[in-house]
Amino acid sequence: MTLTRWLVLRACAGVLLLLAARGLIAQEKPLGPAKEDLQRARQKAVNFLRTTQADNGSWTAPDAVGISALVAYGLLSAGMPADDPVMVKTLDFLTANSQADGRICAAASRHSGYETCVALMALKEANSSGKYTPIIERAAKFVRRLQIDETQNVDTSEPRYGGAGYSPDGERPDLSNTAFLVEALRAAGAGPDDPALQKALIFVSRCQNLESEFNTSPAAAQINDGGFFYTSSAGGASPAGTTAEGGLRSYGSMTYAGLKSMIYAGLTPDDPRVRAAIDWIEKHYTVANNPGMGNNGLFYYYQLFAKALDAMNLDNVEDAQGEKHDWRKELATHLFSLQDANGSWVNSSTRWYEGDPNLVTAYSLIALRYCEPRASEQGRP
């Protein structure tokens, strides 16, 4: 290199450094919370959960397999290794509740579907050695039997087709349990084209307030805002209430559950159902509450919020006022502010068991998993 060229390059480098220092050129900055803040919150939560585990490896109650599975999944999400004594005890507890038909729950459980789904997810997360593969495979077969379809003489035109409820008895399916089914089967290795995920997509689409070829129910046209409600089956229901005309109101947690399930089933951002869901999210973006439900189901909402936006590969969400939000940072910062001194989280609203700090702390750790700091990328929304 000639002296002249070296001097020119050095001068250019100096100019770039000066402009960067003055903020006149874009500088890449990390997205999400500071790593040390995230690790501090996680460690406090882990320490709390270490103190509340029962001798048999469960949390909250010996027959609350679903809560124990969510805590296990949350701890694994926070980086606890599968051979940690706390994790060994809870994995042993989960496997001890593996029933002959593949269910993972207490023998008399009325929520065998949801509990098996979350237990499958936890065991899959801890299965690097392959130790739990036989249990996972049996559980996946059971989860498939939860789905309401032709095997139960249900036609594709029926609103309940493709959905799943709390147990495989053909009871009213709902979007929450169907979203757990989709996520569990995905963890077990099912791809977007898997028949079960495609059947679930039919049910999920009918729980969206969007009149289209995928949802021709009268309820779809009454609100038509792109959000999601609890179930289209048995006349439909939404805990967010109804309009004077009988429309089922959309709300936050089910909208993120619906969006996540659609992405897992292979839909892309150019699909009108996905675009409509994103439009609803942009209009109702918040980490302060569960839109349409206030504090009810708030921490359940947070983990769905994080999973869905991560599945969409979104780094920022632009709200109705045109402001862009680094959702990872905002969600994590808000969760940090809500964490109790003992490391737990708990909801002031006790609906849906969110008065239980074990369950709510699990939800929070799962949400924080998707708030990991990451480098910004040019061209991403």
Protein backbone atom coordinates (compact mmCIF):
# COMPACT_ATOMS: atom_id res chain seq x y z
CA MET A 1 0.00 0.00 0.00
CA THR A 2 1.34 3.42 -0.93
CA LEU A 3 1.77 6.12 1.66
CA THR A 4 -0.80 8.31 -0.10
CA ARG A 5 -3.45 5.57 -0.09
CA TRP A 6 -2.78 4.81 3.55
CA LEU A 7 -3.22 8.49 4.48
CA VAL A 8 -6.50 8.69 2.53
CA LEU A 9 -7.91 5.57 4.23
CA ARG A 10 -6.89 6.84 7.64
CA ALA A 11 -8.55 10.19 6.97
CA CYS A 12 -11.79 8.47 5.85
CA ALA A 13 -11.81 6.32 8.95
CA GLY A 14 -11.39 9.39 11.11
CA VAL A 15 -14.32 11.13 9.43
CA LEU A 16 -16.56 8.10 9.93
CA LEU A 17 -15.66 7.88 13.61
CA LEU A 18 -16.41 11.59 14.04
CA LEU A 19 -19.79 11.32 12.32
CA ALA A 20 -20.70 8.28 14.37
CA ALA A 21 -19.74 10.04 17.58
CA ARG A 22 -22.00 12.97 16.64
CA GLY A 23 -24.88 10.64 15.77
CA LEU A 24 -24.89 11.70 12.12
CA ILE A 25 -24.71 8.16 10.77
CA ALA A 26 -26.68 5.14 11.90
CA GLN A 27 -24.98 2.95 14.47
CA GLU A 28 -26.01 -0.63 15.07
CA LYS A 29 -27.38 -1.00 18.57
CA PRO A 30 -28.56 -4.08 20.39
CA LEU A 31 -32.26 -4.87 20.55
CA GLY A 32 -33.86 -6.00 23.75
CA PRO A 33 -32.80 -5.56 27.38
CA ALA A 34 -29.27 -5.45 28.72
CA LYS A 35 -27.95 -8.97 29.22
CA GLU A 36 -26.95 -8.32 32.80
CA ASP A 37 -30.48 -7.09 33.69
CA LEU A 38 -32.02 -10.13 32.07
CA GLN A 39 -29.67 -12.51 33.86
CA ARG A 40 -30.28 -10.81 37.22
CA ALA A 41 -34.07 -11.15 36.91
CA ARG A 42 -33.79 -14.76 35.81
CA GLN A 43 -31.49 -15.71 38.65
CA LYS A 44 -33.79 -14.16 41.24
CA ALA A 45 -36.71 -16.11 39.77
CA VAL A 46 -34.74 -19.36 39.73
CA ASN A 47 -33.75 -18.84 43.35
CA PHE A 48 -37.39 -18.30 44.29
CA LEU A 49 -38.57 -21.46 42.51
CA ARG A 50 -35.84 -23.49 44.20
CA THR A 51 -37.47 -22.65 47.54
CA THR A 52 -41.05 -23.52 46.54
CA GLN A 53 -40.52 -26.96 45.00
CA ALA A 54 -42.11 -29.82 46.95
CA ASP A 55 -40.11 -32.88 47.94
CA ASN A 56 -41.77 -34.92 45.16
CA GLY A 57 -40.54 -32.46 42.52
CA SER A 58 -43.85 -30.67 41.95
CA TRP A 59 -44.95 -27.10 42.46
CA THR A 60 -48.21 -25.77 43.96
CA ALA A 61 -49.99 -29.15 44.34
CA PRO A 62 -49.08 -32.82 43.78
CA ASP A 63 -51.77 -33.20 41.11
CA ALA A 64 -50.97 -29.87 39.38
CA VAL A 65 -48.85 -31.51 36.68
CA GLY A 66 -49.51 -28.70 34.23
CA ILE A 67 -48.18 -26.04 36.60
CA SER A 68 -45.10 -28.15 37.41
CA ALA A 69 -44.48 -28.68 33.69
CA LEU A 70 -44.72 -24.95 33.00
CA VAL A 71 -42.29 -24.23 35.84
CA ALA A 72 -39.89 -26.84 34.45
CA TYR A 73 -40.17 -25.29 30.98
CA GLY A 74 -39.61 -21.83 32.46
CA LEU A 75 -36.52 -22.93 34.36
CA LEU A 76 -35.09 -24.62 31.28
CA SER A 77 -35.84 -21.44 29.33
CA ALA A 78 -33.82 -19.53 31.92
CA GLY A 79 -30.83 -21.79 31.34
CA MET A 80 -31.16 -24.33 34.15
CA PRO A 81 -29.40 -27.53 33.00
CA ALA A 82 -31.34 -30.79 32.93
CA ASP A 83 -28.97 -32.32 35.48
CA ASP A 84 -29.56 -29.63 38.12
CA PRO A 85 -31.02 -31.38 41.21
CA VAL A 86 -34.17 -29.23 41.05
CA MET A 87 -34.70 -30.13 37.42
CA VAL A 88 -33.96 -33.82 37.97
CA LYS A 89 -36.66 -33.95 40.64
CA THR A 90 -39.29 -32.26 38.48
CA LEU A 91 -38.45 -34.32 35.38
CA ASP A 92 -38.82 -37.44 37.52
CA PHE A 93 -42.17 -36.09 38.72
CA LEU A 94 -43.35 -35.53 35.15
CA THR A 95 -42.27 -38.96 33.96
CA ALA A 96 -43.91 -40.59 36.99
CA ASN A 97 -47.18 -39.06 35.78
CA SER A 98 -46.85 -40.53 32.30
CA GLN A 99 -49.92 -42.73 31.87
CA ALA A 100 -50.23 -45.86 29.74
CA ASP A 101 -52.22 -44.06 27.03
CA GLY A 102 -49.57 -41.33 26.65
CA ARG A 103 -51.13 -38.68 28.87
CA ILE A 104 -48.79 -36.86 31.25
CA CYS A 105 -51.03 -35.84 34.12
CA ALA A 106 -52.59 -37.15 37.29
CA ALA A 107 -54.77 -40.18 36.60
CA ALA A 108 -57.97 -38.29 37.44
CA SER A 109 -57.03 -35.04 35.69
CA ARG A 110 -59.77 -33.12 33.88
CA HIS A 111 -57.16 -31.14 31.95
CA SER A 112 -55.16 -33.97 30.42
CA GLY A 113 -54.79 -32.27 27.05
CA TYR A 114 -53.26 -29.00 28.22
CA GLU A 115 -51.13 -30.76 30.85
CA THR A 116 -49.75 -33.29 28.38
CA CYS A 117 -48.90 -30.57 25.89
CA VAL A 118 -46.85 -28.51 28.33
CA ALA A 119 -45.21 -31.59 29.86
CA LEU A 120 -44.20 -32.76 26.38
CA MET A 121 -42.64 -29.36 25.71
CA ALA A 122 -40.66 -29.47 28.96
CA LEU A 123 -39.42 -33.01 28.40
CA LYS A 124 -38.43 -32.18 24.83
CA GLU A 125 -36.43 -29.20 26.07
CA ALA A 126 -34.54 -31.47 28.49
CA ASN A 127 -34.08 -34.36 26.06
CA SER A 128 -30.60 -33.76 24.67
CA SER A 129 -29.61 -37.31 25.69
CA GLY A 130 -32.71 -38.91 24.18
CA LYS A 131 -33.73 -40.26 27.57
CA TYR A 132 -37.31 -39.04 27.30
CA THR A 133 -37.93 -39.89 23.64
CA PRO A 134 -40.32 -42.84 24.27
CA ILE A 135 -42.45 -40.75 26.65
CA ILE A 136 -42.46 -37.81 24.23
CA GLU A 137 -43.54 -40.04 21.35
CA ARG A 138 -46.41 -41.56 23.37
CA ALA A 139 -47.47 -38.10 24.51
CA ALA A 140 -47.46 -36.79 20.92
CA LYS A 141 -49.78 -39.63 19.87
CA PHE A 142 -52.12 -38.76 22.73
CA VAL A 143 -52.05 -35.07 21.78
CA ARG A 144 -53.10 -35.96 18.24
CA ARG A 145 -56.12 -37.77 19.68
CA LEU A 146 -57.23 -34.52 21.31
CA GLN A 147 -58.04 -33.00 17.93
CA ILE A 148 -61.65 -33.06 16.78
CA ASP A 149 -61.80 -34.31 13.19
CA GLU A 150 -63.08 -37.07 10.93
CA THR A 151 -62.07 -39.75 13.41
CA GLN A 152 -64.93 -38.47 15.61
CA ASN A 153 -67.33 -38.17 12.66
CA VAL A 154 -67.03 -34.39 12.63
CA ASP A 155 -67.27 -32.76 9.21
CA THR A 156 -64.88 -30.03 8.10
CA SER A 157 -67.81 -27.60 7.90
CA GLU A 158 -68.47 -27.79 11.64
CA PRO A 159 -67.07 -24.89 13.72
CA ARG A 160 -65.32 -27.26 16.13
CA TYR A 161 -63.41 -29.14 13.39
CA GLY A 162 -59.64 -29.08 13.91
CA GLY A 163 -59.82 -27.72 17.43
CA ALA A 164 -58.88 -29.25 20.77
CA GLY A 165 -60.22 -28.93 24.29
CA TYR A 166 -58.94 -29.84 27.73
CA SER A 167 -59.40 -33.58 27.18
CA PRO A 168 -60.06 -36.02 24.30
CA ASP A 169 -63.77 -36.43 25.06
CA GLY A 170 -65.05 -34.22 22.25
CA GLU A 171 -65.93 -31.33 24.56
CA ARG A 172 -66.02 -27.79 23.21
CA PRO A 173 -62.61 -26.94 21.71
CA ASP A 174 -61.02 -23.55 22.22
CA LEU A 175 -58.18 -21.50 20.79
CA SER A 176 -56.02 -21.68 23.91
CA ASN A 177 -55.91 -25.48 24.01
CA THR A 178 -55.57 -25.67 20.23
CA ALA A 179 -52.57 -23.33 20.38
CA PHE A 180 -50.98 -25.59 23.01
CA LEU A 181 -51.61 -28.59 20.72
CA VAL A 182 -49.91 -26.85 17.79
CA GLU A 183 -46.92 -25.84 19.90
CA ALA A 184 -46.53 -29.29 21.47
CA LEU A 185 -46.68 -31.12 18.14
CA ARG A 186 -44.19 -28.66 16.70
CA ALA A 187 -41.85 -29.38 19.63
CA ALA A 188 -42.29 -33.10 18.92
CA GLY A 189 -41.13 -32.59 15.33
CA ALA A 190 -44.29 -31.84 13.34
CA GLY A 191 -43.73 -29.48 10.43
CA PRO A 192 -46.13 -26.87 9.00
CA ASP A 193 -47.53 -29.37 6.50
CA ASP A 194 -48.42 -31.93 9.16
CA PRO A 195 -52.14 -32.79 8.79
CA ALA A 196 -52.82 -32.02 12.45
CA LEU A 197 -51.41 -28.50 12.12
CA GLN A 198 -53.36 -27.91 8.93
CA LYS A 199 -56.57 -29.07 10.60
CA ALA A 200 -55.82 -26.82 13.56
CA LEU A 201 -55.38 -23.93 11.12
CA ILE A 202 -59.00 -24.40 10.00
CA PHE A 203 -60.22 -24.03 13.58
CA VAL A 204 -57.86 -21.15 14.36
CA SER A 205 -59.04 -19.24 11.27
CA ARG A 206 -62.65 -19.57 12.45
CA CYS A 207 -61.71 -17.94 15.76
CA GLN A 208 -60.56 -14.78 13.95
CA ASN A 209 -62.81 -11.77 13.51
CA LEU A 210 -62.12 -11.65 9.80
CA GLU A 211 -64.70 -12.36 7.13
CA SER A 212 -62.98 -14.40 4.44
CA GLU A 213 -63.08 -17.66 2.57
CA PHE A 214 -61.58 -19.22 5.70
CA ASN A 215 -64.28 -17.88 8.02
CA THR A 216 -67.77 -17.47 6.67
CA SER A 217 -69.55 -17.54 10.05
CA PRO A 218 -71.98 -14.69 10.81
CA ALA A 219 -69.82 -13.65 13.78
CA ALA A 220 -66.83 -12.90 11.52
CA ALA A 221 -68.57 -10.00 9.78
CA GLN A 222 -69.97 -8.40 12.94
CA ILE A 223 -66.63 -7.08 14.22
CA ASN A 224 -64.19 -7.93 11.40
CA ASP A 225 -61.18 -6.32 13.11
CA GLY A 226 -58.64 -9.13 12.54
CA GLY A 227 -58.31 -10.05 16.22
CA PHE A 228 -59.13 -13.41 17.78
CA PHE A 229 -61.58 -14.69 20.39
CA TYR A 230 -61.75 -17.82 22.56
CA THR A 231 -63.84 -20.24 20.51
CA SER A 232 -66.08 -20.45 17.48
CA SER A 233 -67.62 -23.72 18.72
CA ALA A 234 -71.02 -24.19 20.38
CA GLY A 235 -72.22 -20.75 19.34
CA GLY A 236 -68.87 -19.10 20.11
CA ALA A 237 -67.55 -17.40 23.22
CA SER A 238 -65.24 -14.57 24.24
CA PRO A 239 -64.43 -13.59 27.84
CA ALA A 240 -63.92 -10.07 26.45
CA GLY A 241 -67.67 -9.95 25.90
CA THR A 242 -69.96 -9.35 22.97
CA THR A 243 -71.22 -6.38 21.02
CA ALA A 244 -74.87 -5.33 21.01
CA GLU A 245 -75.21 -7.21 17.74
CA GLY A 246 -73.74 -10.38 19.24
CA GLY A 247 -70.22 -10.07 17.84
CA LEU A 248 -67.47 -11.80 19.84
CA ARG A 249 -64.91 -9.25 20.95
CA SER A 250 -61.24 -9.80 20.12
CA TYR A 251 -58.65 -9.68 22.89
CA GLY A 252 -54.90 -9.72 23.29
CA SER A 253 -53.88 -13.16 24.50
CA MET A 254 -56.03 -15.02 21.96
CA THR A 255 -54.89 -12.76 19.12
CA TYR A 256 -51.24 -13.57 19.84
CA ALA A 257 -52.16 -17.26 20.27
CA GLY A 258 -53.91 -17.22 16.91
CA LEU A 259 -51.07 -15.44 15.14
CA LYS A 260 -48.45 -17.79 16.59
CA SER A 261 -50.45 -20.84 15.57
CA MET A 262 -50.89 -19.54 12.02
CA ILE A 263 -47.16 -18.96 11.64
CA TYR A 264 -46.37 -22.42 13.02
CA ALA A 265 -48.86 -23.85 10.50
CA GLY A 266 -46.92 -22.24 7.66
CA LEU A 267 -48.74 -18.99 6.92
CA THR A 268 -46.57 -16.08 5.82
CA PRO A 269 -46.90 -12.32 6.43
CA ASP A 270 -48.57 -11.81 3.05
CA ASP A 271 -51.51 -14.06 4.00
CA PRO A 272 -54.56 -11.85 4.68
CA ARG A 273 -55.21 -13.59 8.00
CA VAL A 274 -51.70 -12.81 9.25
CA ARG A 275 -51.81 -9.26 7.93
CA ALA A 276 -55.15 -8.65 9.66
CA ALA A 277 -53.79 -10.02 12.96
CA ILE A 278 -50.74 -7.76 12.74
CA ASP A 279 -52.98 -4.77 12.00
CA TRP A 280 -54.95 -5.54 15.17
CA ILE A 281 -51.74 -5.88 17.17
CA GLU A 282 -50.42 -2.56 15.87
CA LYS A 283 -53.66 -0.84 16.90
CA HIS A 284 -53.68 -2.41 20.36
CA TYR A 285 -49.95 -2.73 21.10
CA THR A 286 -49.16 -2.56 24.81
CA VAL A 287 -47.25 -4.30 27.57
CA ALA A 288 -49.31 -2.56 30.27
CA ASN A 289 -52.27 -4.94 30.09
CA ASN A 290 -53.92 -7.77 28.18
CA PRO A 291 -55.91 -5.75 25.60
CA GLY A 292 -59.60 -6.30 26.06
CA MET A 293 -59.07 -8.15 29.35
CA GLY A 294 -57.15 -5.72 31.56
CA ASN A 295 -55.09 -7.61 34.15
CA ASN A 296 -56.97 -10.87 33.62
CA GLY A 297 -54.63 -13.49 32.19
CA LEU A 298 -51.89 -10.87 32.01
CA PHE A 299 -48.82 -13.10 32.35
CA TYR A 300 -50.29 -15.76 30.10
CA TYR A 301 -50.63 -12.89 27.62
CA TYR A 302 -46.97 -11.89 28.04
CA GLN A 303 -45.59 -15.29 27.04
CA LEU A 304 -47.90 -15.47 24.01
CA PHE A 305 -47.00 -11.89 23.04
CA ALA A 306 -43.30 -12.79 23.07
CA LYS A 307 -43.63 -16.12 21.28
CA ALA A 308 -45.81 -14.73 18.50
CA LEU A 309 -43.68 -11.66 17.73
CA ASP A 310 -40.56 -13.81 17.78
CA ALA A 311 -42.23 -16.30 15.41
CA MET A 312 -43.02 -13.39 13.09
CA ASN A 313 -39.33 -12.43 13.19
CA LEU A 314 -40.30 -8.90 14.17
CA ASP A 315 -37.83 -6.72 16.03
CA ASN A 316 -40.08 -3.68 16.21
CA VAL A 317 -43.83 -3.12 16.25
CA GLU A 318 -45.19 0.14 14.87
CA ASP A 319 -48.25 1.25 16.83
CA ALA A 320 -51.31 3.15 15.63
CA GLN A 321 -49.53 6.48 16.21
CA GLY A 322 -46.60 5.44 14.02
CA GLU A 323 -44.19 4.92 16.93
CA LYS A 324 -41.83 1.94 16.65
CA HIS A 325 -41.40 -0.23 19.71
CA ASP A 326 -38.48 -2.52 20.54
CA TRP A 327 -40.91 -5.01 22.03
CA ARG A 328 -38.22 -7.21 23.57
CA LYS A 329 -36.80 -4.33 25.58
CA GLU A 330 -40.20 -2.94 26.54
CA LEU A 331 -41.60 -6.27 27.67
CA ALA A 332 -38.48 -7.22 29.62
CA THR A 333 -38.21 -3.80 31.27
CA HIS A 334 -41.87 -3.97 32.29
CA LEU A 335 -41.44 -7.48 33.70
CA PHE A 336 -38.37 -6.34 35.65
CA SER A 337 -40.52 -3.60 37.22
CA LEU A 338 -43.19 -6.12 38.27
CA GLN A 339 -40.83 -8.66 39.85
CA ASP A 340 -41.19 -8.98 43.61
CA ALA A 341 -38.21 -8.69 45.93
CA ASN A 342 -38.25 -12.46 46.51
CA GLY A 343 -37.78 -13.06 42.78
CA SER A 344 -41.34 -14.10 41.96
CA TRP A 345 -44.06 -12.57 39.87
CA VAL A 346 -47.76 -12.70 40.76
CA ASN A 347 -50.88 -11.13 39.27
CA SER A 348 -53.20 -8.92 41.32
CA SER A 349 -56.00 -10.56 39.34
CA THR A 350 -56.33 -14.18 40.44
CA ARG A 351 -58.41 -15.27 37.43
CA TRP A 352 -57.06 -18.34 35.60
CA TYR A 353 -54.81 -19.24 38.57
CA GLU A 354 -52.60 -16.14 38.18
CA GLY A 355 -52.66 -15.60 41.93
CA ASP A 356 -50.17 -18.49 42.07
CA PRO A 357 -46.61 -17.10 42.04
CA ASN A 358 -45.18 -20.42 40.82
CA LEU A 359 -47.32 -20.36 37.68
CA VAL A 360 -46.86 -16.64 37.04
CA THR A 361 -43.10 -16.84 37.56
CA ALA A 362 -43.01 -19.68 35.03
CA TYR A 363 -44.94 -17.57 32.49
CA SER A 364 -42.52 -14.69 33.07
CA LEU A 365 -39.41 -16.82 32.54
CA ILE A 366 -40.90 -18.19 29.31
CA ALA A 367 -41.63 -14.65 28.10
CA LEU A 368 -38.10 -13.49 28.98
CA ARG A 369 -36.65 -16.33 26.91
CA TYR A 370 -37.81 -14.49 23.79
CA CYS A 371 -36.49 -11.14 25.01
CA GLU A 372 -32.84 -12.15 24.59
CA PRO A 373 -30.77 -9.17 23.35
CA ARG A 374 -29.89 -9.36 19.68
CA ALA A 375 -28.06 -7.18 17.16
CA SER A 376 -30.22 -4.93 15.00
CA GLU A 377 -30.42 -5.84 11.35
CA GLN A 378 -30.83 -3.54 8.38
CA GLY A 379 -34.00 -3.96 6.43
CA ARG A 380 -36.00 -5.62 9.20
CA PRO A 381 -39.32 -4.07 10.20
